[in-house]
Protein backbone atom coordinates (compact mmCIF):
# COMPACT_ATOMS: atom_id res chain seq x y z
CA UNK A 1 11.41 0.20 -2.17
CA UNK A 2 14.55 -1.69 -1.17
CA UNK A 3 14.86 -3.02 -4.72
CA UNK A 4 14.69 0.50 -6.11
CA UNK A 5 17.29 1.79 -3.67
CA UNK A 6 19.63 -1.11 -4.44
CA UNK A 7 19.50 -0.28 -8.16
CA UNK A 8 17.64 -3.33 -9.41
CA UNK A 9 15.55 -1.13 -11.70
CA UNK A 10 18.35 1.00 -13.19
CA UNK A 11 17.33 0.00 -16.71
CA UNK A 12 13.84 1.52 -16.32
CA UNK A 13 12.88 5.14 -16.84
CA UNK A 14 13.48 7.44 -13.90
CA UNK A 15 10.59 9.71 -14.87
CA UNK A 16 8.46 9.00 -11.85
CA UNK A 17 7.37 10.60 -8.64
CA UNK A 18 5.97 8.89 -5.58
CA UNK A 19 3.03 10.85 -4.23
CA UNK A 20 1.08 9.92 -1.13
CA UNK A 21 -2.69 9.78 -1.44
CA UNK A 22 -2.81 12.22 1.48
CA UNK A 23 -0.94 14.84 -0.60
CA UNK A 24 -4.06 16.18 -2.28
CA UNK A 25 -2.37 19.38 -3.43
CA UNK A 26 0.35 17.52 -5.35
CA UNK A 27 -2.17 15.06 -6.82
CA UNK A 28 -4.17 18.04 -8.06
CA UNK A 29 -1.04 19.68 -9.50
CA UNK A 30 -0.29 16.48 -11.42
CA UNK A 31 -3.87 16.26 -12.65
CA UNK A 32 -4.40 12.92 -10.94
CA UNK A 33 -6.85 13.84 -8.17
CA UNK A 34 -9.73 14.89 -10.41
CA UNK A 35 -9.09 12.25 -13.05
CA UNK A 36 -9.13 9.37 -10.58
CA UNK A 37 -11.32 10.88 -7.85
CA UNK A 38 -8.58 10.38 -5.24
CA UNK A 39 -9.26 13.34 -2.98
CA UNK A 40 -11.00 12.83 0.35
CA UNK A 41 -13.94 14.94 -0.79
CA UNK A 42 -14.39 12.89 -3.98
């Protein structure tokens, strides 16, 4: 993450969001939990 904070990746798209695997609600909202079976119950 230090590289990101220092701006080494300024040329790349900033359309990203870091989501913890523990954040099941957000993973579900993004449609990633079901698709990749990432929830604890999966």
